[in-house]
């Protein structure tokens, strides 16, 4: 039987990284990277991918760069246009002692994200 495909939504709480693999065989023909999805509850999920052939490193680097770009675009799309603020808001005493104000992306239950202004 063929393995079942894995479908996964992109998450802003993800990390892609190049991996070093030690092998007794000629590992210059293989390049591996890992994609990890961090979760607030339950276990994080990691998936490993490999490219093969003479240009394995170049192909892996392209995949890693593209995934990094996708994750960056996804994360930025969740924030409205804004500027960090360090000045107090006139007429609001509670803002006179703040260090800075801006948006924070929090991971939530069931792999949901919340955008909080603080």
N, C-alpha and C. Protein backbone atom coordinates (compact mmCIF):
# COMPACT_ATOMS: atom_id res chain seq x y z
N UNK A 1 0.83 -1.21 0.00
CA UNK A 1 0.00 0.00 0.00
C UNK A 1 0.86 1.26 0.00
N UNK A 2 0.38 2.26 -0.71
CA UNK A 2 1.10 3.54 -0.77
C UNK A 2 0.85 4.34 0.50
N UNK A 3 1.86 5.10 0.95
CA UNK A 3 1.65 5.93 2.15
C UNK A 3 0.62 7.02 1.86
N UNK A 4 -0.13 7.37 2.87
CA UNK A 4 -1.15 8.41 2.75
C UNK A 4 -0.48 9.78 2.79
N UNK A 5 -0.93 10.70 1.93
CA UNK A 5 -0.34 12.05 1.98
C UNK A 5 -0.72 12.75 3.29
N UNK A 6 0.15 13.64 3.71
CA UNK A 6 -0.09 14.43 4.91
C UNK A 6 -0.49 15.83 4.49
N UNK A 7 -1.61 16.29 4.97
CA UNK A 7 -2.07 17.65 4.70
C UNK A 7 -1.93 18.45 5.98
N UNK A 8 -1.31 19.60 5.89
CA UNK A 8 -1.08 20.43 7.08
C UNK A 8 -1.24 21.89 6.69
N UNK A 9 -1.96 22.66 7.50
CA UNK A 9 -2.08 24.09 7.28
C UNK A 9 -0.78 24.77 7.67
N UNK A 10 -0.43 25.84 6.95
CA UNK A 10 0.74 26.62 7.32
C UNK A 10 0.46 27.30 8.65
N UNK A 11 1.46 27.41 9.47
CA UNK A 11 1.34 28.06 10.76
C UNK A 11 2.43 29.11 10.92
N UNK A 12 2.08 30.27 11.51
CA UNK A 12 3.14 31.25 11.77
C UNK A 12 4.10 30.78 12.86
N UNK A 13 3.71 29.73 13.57
CA UNK A 13 4.55 29.18 14.63
C UNK A 13 5.29 27.96 14.09
N UNK A 14 6.12 28.20 13.09
CA UNK A 14 6.85 27.12 12.41
C UNK A 14 8.31 27.51 12.25
N UNK A 15 9.12 26.50 12.06
CA UNK A 15 10.55 26.70 11.87
C UNK A 15 11.03 25.75 10.79
N UNK A 16 11.78 26.25 9.85
CA UNK A 16 12.42 25.39 8.84
C UNK A 16 13.93 25.52 9.03
N UNK A 17 14.60 24.38 9.01
CA UNK A 17 16.05 24.42 9.23
C UNK A 17 16.76 23.32 8.43
N UNK A 18 17.96 23.65 7.99
CA UNK A 18 18.79 22.70 7.28
C UNK A 18 19.35 21.71 8.29
N UNK A 19 19.46 20.45 7.87
CA UNK A 19 19.97 19.41 8.76
C UNK A 19 21.27 18.83 8.22
N UNK A 20 22.13 18.45 9.12
CA UNK A 20 23.36 17.73 8.78
C UNK A 20 23.12 16.27 9.08
N UNK A 21 23.41 15.42 8.11
CA UNK A 21 23.22 13.98 8.30
C UNK A 21 24.56 13.29 8.12
N UNK A 22 24.88 12.45 9.08
CA UNK A 22 26.12 11.68 8.98
C UNK A 22 25.76 10.29 8.48
N UNK A 23 26.44 9.89 7.44
CA UNK A 23 26.14 8.61 6.82
C UNK A 23 27.43 7.94 6.40
N UNK A 24 27.40 6.61 6.37
CA UNK A 24 28.57 5.88 5.89
C UNK A 24 28.66 5.95 4.37
N UNK A 25 27.52 6.24 3.75
CA UNK A 25 27.50 6.35 2.29
C UNK A 25 27.89 7.76 1.89
N UNK A 26 28.01 7.98 0.60
CA UNK A 26 28.36 9.30 0.08
C UNK A 26 27.17 10.24 0.26
N UNK A 27 27.17 11.02 1.34
CA UNK A 27 26.02 11.86 1.66
C UNK A 27 26.00 13.16 0.87
N UNK A 28 26.97 13.37 -0.02
CA UNK A 28 26.95 14.58 -0.83
C UNK A 28 25.81 14.54 -1.84
N UNK A 29 25.20 13.38 -2.04
CA UNK A 29 24.09 13.25 -2.97
C UNK A 29 22.74 13.54 -2.30
N UNK A 30 22.75 13.77 -1.01
CA UNK A 30 21.52 14.01 -0.25
C UNK A 30 21.66 15.29 0.56
N UNK A 31 20.58 16.05 0.61
CA UNK A 31 20.51 17.22 1.50
C UNK A 31 19.15 17.20 2.16
N UNK A 32 19.13 17.42 3.45
CA UNK A 32 17.91 17.25 4.23
C UNK A 32 17.57 18.54 4.95
N UNK A 33 16.26 18.80 5.08
CA UNK A 33 15.80 19.91 5.92
C UNK A 33 14.59 19.46 6.72
N UNK A 34 14.33 20.19 7.79
CA UNK A 34 13.25 19.83 8.71
C UNK A 34 12.29 21.00 8.84
N UNK A 35 11.01 20.70 8.84
CA UNK A 35 9.96 21.69 9.06
C UNK A 35 9.24 21.30 10.34
N UNK A 36 9.24 22.21 11.33
CA UNK A 36 8.61 21.96 12.62
C UNK A 36 7.46 22.92 12.83
N UNK A 37 6.32 22.37 13.25
CA UNK A 37 5.15 23.16 13.62
C UNK A 37 5.03 23.11 15.14
N UNK A 38 5.15 24.27 15.79
CA UNK A 38 5.06 24.34 17.24
C UNK A 38 3.60 24.47 17.65
N UNK A 39 3.24 23.78 18.71
CA UNK A 39 1.85 23.78 19.18
C UNK A 39 1.80 24.20 20.64
N UNK A 40 0.73 24.91 21.00
CA UNK A 40 0.54 25.31 22.39
C UNK A 40 0.17 24.10 23.23
N UNK A 41 -0.65 23.24 22.67
CA UNK A 41 -1.06 22.03 23.38
C UNK A 41 -0.69 20.82 22.52
N UNK A 42 -0.40 19.73 23.15
CA UNK A 42 0.01 18.55 22.39
C UNK A 42 1.47 18.65 21.97
N UNK A 43 1.87 17.71 21.16
CA UNK A 43 3.26 17.65 20.73
C UNK A 43 3.49 18.45 19.46
N UNK A 44 4.66 19.05 19.38
CA UNK A 44 5.06 19.71 18.13
C UNK A 44 5.19 18.63 17.05
N UNK A 45 5.04 19.03 15.81
CA UNK A 45 5.16 18.09 14.69
C UNK A 45 6.37 18.49 13.85
N UNK A 46 7.21 17.51 13.55
CA UNK A 46 8.37 17.74 12.69
C UNK A 46 8.31 16.81 11.49
N UNK A 47 8.64 17.38 10.33
CA UNK A 47 8.67 16.61 9.10
C UNK A 47 10.03 16.83 8.45
N UNK A 48 10.61 15.75 7.96
CA UNK A 48 11.91 15.82 7.31
C UNK A 48 11.73 15.63 5.80
N UNK A 49 12.49 16.41 5.03
CA UNK A 49 12.45 16.34 3.58
C UNK A 49 13.87 16.23 3.06
N UNK A 50 14.02 15.57 1.92
CA UNK A 50 15.35 15.40 1.34
C UNK A 50 15.32 15.70 -0.15
N UNK A 51 16.43 16.25 -0.61
CA UNK A 51 16.65 16.41 -2.04
C UNK A 51 17.82 15.50 -2.38
N UNK A 52 17.86 15.08 -3.61
CA UNK A 52 18.90 14.13 -4.02
C UNK A 52 19.51 14.56 -5.35
N UNK A 53 20.71 14.08 -5.59
CA UNK A 53 21.38 14.34 -6.86
C UNK A 53 22.58 15.24 -6.71
N UNK A 54 23.17 15.58 -7.83
CA UNK A 54 24.39 16.39 -7.83
C UNK A 54 24.15 17.79 -7.26
N UNK A 55 22.96 18.32 -7.46
CA UNK A 55 22.64 19.67 -6.98
C UNK A 55 21.76 19.62 -5.73
N UNK A 56 21.91 18.60 -4.93
CA UNK A 56 21.05 18.41 -3.76
C UNK A 56 21.10 19.60 -2.80
N UNK A 57 22.29 20.12 -2.54
CA UNK A 57 22.41 21.26 -1.62
C UNK A 57 21.70 22.49 -2.17
N UNK A 58 21.89 22.77 -3.46
CA UNK A 58 21.24 23.93 -4.08
C UNK A 58 19.72 23.78 -4.04
N UNK A 59 19.23 22.59 -4.36
CA UNK A 59 17.79 22.35 -4.35
C UNK A 59 17.22 22.49 -2.94
N UNK A 60 17.92 21.93 -1.96
CA UNK A 60 17.48 22.05 -0.57
C UNK A 60 17.44 23.52 -0.15
N UNK A 61 18.46 24.26 -0.51
CA UNK A 61 18.52 25.68 -0.15
C UNK A 61 17.36 26.46 -0.77
N UNK A 62 17.00 26.12 -2.01
CA UNK A 62 15.86 26.77 -2.66
C UNK A 62 14.57 26.48 -1.90
N UNK A 63 14.37 25.20 -1.54
CA UNK A 63 13.18 24.83 -0.78
C UNK A 63 13.13 25.57 0.56
N UNK A 64 14.24 25.57 1.27
CA UNK A 64 14.29 26.24 2.58
C UNK A 64 14.01 27.74 2.42
N UNK A 65 14.63 28.39 1.45
CA UNK A 65 14.41 29.82 1.23
C UNK A 65 12.95 30.11 0.89
N UNK A 66 12.35 29.28 0.05
CA UNK A 66 10.95 29.49 -0.34
C UNK A 66 10.01 29.31 0.86
N UNK A 67 10.26 28.28 1.66
CA UNK A 67 9.41 28.05 2.84
C UNK A 67 9.57 29.18 3.84
N UNK A 68 10.78 29.66 4.03
CA UNK A 68 11.00 30.80 4.93
C UNK A 68 10.21 32.00 4.43
N UNK A 69 10.22 32.24 3.13
CA UNK A 69 9.48 33.37 2.56
C UNK A 69 7.98 33.21 2.77
N UNK A 70 7.47 32.00 2.55
CA UNK A 70 6.03 31.73 2.76
C UNK A 70 5.65 31.97 4.21
N UNK A 71 6.44 31.46 5.14
CA UNK A 71 6.14 31.64 6.56
C UNK A 71 6.21 33.11 6.96
N UNK A 72 7.16 33.83 6.42
CA UNK A 72 7.28 35.26 6.70
C UNK A 72 6.06 36.01 6.17
N UNK A 73 5.66 35.71 4.92
CA UNK A 73 4.48 36.37 4.34
C UNK A 73 3.22 36.04 5.13
N UNK A 74 3.09 34.79 5.53
CA UNK A 74 1.93 34.39 6.33
C UNK A 74 1.88 35.18 7.64
N UNK A 75 2.98 35.22 8.34
CA UNK A 75 3.03 35.91 9.63
C UNK A 75 2.72 37.40 9.46
N UNK A 76 3.34 38.04 8.48
CA UNK A 76 3.11 39.47 8.26
C UNK A 76 1.66 39.75 7.86
N UNK A 77 1.02 38.81 7.18
CA UNK A 77 -0.37 39.02 6.75
C UNK A 77 -1.34 39.05 7.92
N UNK A 78 -0.92 38.58 9.07
CA UNK A 78 -1.79 38.54 10.24
C UNK A 78 -1.79 39.86 11.03
N UNK A 79 -0.85 40.74 10.71
CA UNK A 79 -0.72 42.01 11.41
C UNK A 79 -1.28 43.15 10.57
N UNK A 80 -2.02 44.06 11.19
CA UNK A 80 -2.43 45.26 10.45
C UNK A 80 -1.22 46.19 10.27
N UNK A 81 -1.33 47.15 9.37
CA UNK A 81 -0.26 48.15 9.24
C UNK A 81 -0.22 48.96 10.53
N UNK A 82 0.93 49.06 11.13
CA UNK A 82 1.07 49.81 12.38
C UNK A 82 2.54 50.15 12.60
N UNK A 83 2.76 51.05 13.53
CA UNK A 83 4.11 51.37 13.99
C UNK A 83 4.16 51.16 15.48
N UNK A 84 5.27 50.63 15.96
CA UNK A 84 5.44 50.51 17.40
C UNK A 84 5.38 51.89 18.01
N UNK A 85 4.81 51.97 19.18
CA UNK A 85 4.68 53.26 19.85
C UNK A 85 5.40 53.22 21.19
N UNK A 86 6.17 54.26 21.47
CA UNK A 86 6.84 54.37 22.76
C UNK A 86 6.38 55.63 23.50
N UNK A 87 5.57 56.43 22.85
CA UNK A 87 5.09 57.67 23.46
C UNK A 87 3.75 57.43 24.15
N UNK A 88 3.52 58.12 25.28
CA UNK A 88 2.22 57.98 25.94
C UNK A 88 1.11 58.60 25.08
N UNK A 89 -0.09 58.07 25.25
CA UNK A 89 -1.25 58.60 24.55
C UNK A 89 -1.77 59.79 25.35
N UNK A 90 -1.91 60.96 24.74
CA UNK A 90 -2.41 62.14 25.47
C UNK A 90 -3.76 61.85 26.12
N UNK A 91 -3.86 62.20 27.40
CA UNK A 91 -5.11 62.02 28.13
C UNK A 91 -5.31 60.63 28.71
N UNK A 92 -4.35 59.72 28.51
CA UNK A 92 -4.47 58.36 29.06
C UNK A 92 -3.30 58.12 29.99
N UNK A 93 -3.54 58.31 31.26
CA UNK A 93 -2.49 58.20 32.28
C UNK A 93 -1.84 56.82 32.28
N UNK A 94 -2.62 55.78 32.03
CA UNK A 94 -2.10 54.40 32.07
C UNK A 94 -0.98 54.18 31.05
N UNK A 95 -0.89 55.02 30.02
CA UNK A 95 0.15 54.83 29.00
C UNK A 95 1.43 55.60 29.31
N UNK A 96 1.45 56.36 30.39
CA UNK A 96 2.61 57.22 30.69
C UNK A 96 3.85 56.43 31.14
N UNK A 97 3.66 55.20 31.60
CA UNK A 97 4.81 54.42 32.08
C UNK A 97 5.15 53.24 31.17
N UNK A 98 4.48 53.12 30.06
CA UNK A 98 4.76 51.96 29.20
C UNK A 98 6.11 52.12 28.50
N UNK A 99 6.70 51.01 28.20
CA UNK A 99 7.97 51.00 27.49
C UNK A 99 7.71 51.09 25.99
N UNK A 100 6.74 50.29 25.50
CA UNK A 100 6.35 50.34 24.10
C UNK A 100 5.00 49.65 23.96
N UNK A 101 4.33 49.92 22.87
CA UNK A 101 3.05 49.27 22.58
C UNK A 101 3.06 48.76 21.15
N UNK A 102 2.43 47.62 20.94
CA UNK A 102 2.35 47.04 19.61
C UNK A 102 1.55 45.76 19.66
N UNK A 103 1.59 45.01 18.58
CA UNK A 103 0.82 43.77 18.48
C UNK A 103 1.68 42.56 18.83
N UNK A 104 1.03 41.57 19.40
CA UNK A 104 1.67 40.31 19.77
C UNK A 104 0.84 39.17 19.21
N UNK A 105 1.47 38.25 18.51
CA UNK A 105 0.79 37.09 17.98
C UNK A 105 0.97 35.95 18.97
N UNK A 106 -0.15 35.40 19.45
CA UNK A 106 -0.11 34.32 20.44
C UNK A 106 -0.68 33.05 19.83
N UNK A 107 -0.05 31.93 20.16
CA UNK A 107 -0.60 30.64 19.78
C UNK A 107 -1.71 30.29 20.75
N UNK A 108 -2.75 29.66 20.24
CA UNK A 108 -3.90 29.34 21.08
C UNK A 108 -4.30 27.88 20.97
N UNK A 109 -5.45 27.59 21.57
CA UNK A 109 -6.00 26.24 21.57
C UNK A 109 -6.35 25.84 20.13
N UNK A 110 -6.27 24.56 19.84
CA UNK A 110 -6.62 24.02 18.52
C UNK A 110 -5.83 24.66 17.39
N UNK A 111 -4.58 24.99 17.65
CA UNK A 111 -3.69 25.56 16.63
C UNK A 111 -4.18 26.89 16.06
N UNK A 112 -4.88 27.66 16.86
CA UNK A 112 -5.34 28.96 16.42
C UNK A 112 -4.39 30.03 16.91
N UNK A 113 -4.41 31.14 16.20
CA UNK A 113 -3.56 32.27 16.56
C UNK A 113 -4.44 33.45 16.94
N UNK A 114 -4.00 34.22 17.91
CA UNK A 114 -4.70 35.44 18.32
C UNK A 114 -3.75 36.61 18.24
N UNK A 115 -4.27 37.71 17.76
CA UNK A 115 -3.49 38.94 17.67
C UNK A 115 -3.95 39.86 18.79
N UNK A 116 -3.01 40.23 19.65
CA UNK A 116 -3.33 41.03 20.83
C UNK A 116 -2.55 42.34 20.77
N UNK A 117 -3.20 43.44 21.07
CA UNK A 117 -2.51 44.71 21.19
C UNK A 117 -2.14 44.92 22.64
N UNK A 118 -0.89 45.19 22.88
CA UNK A 118 -0.46 45.39 24.27
C UNK A 118 0.61 46.46 24.34
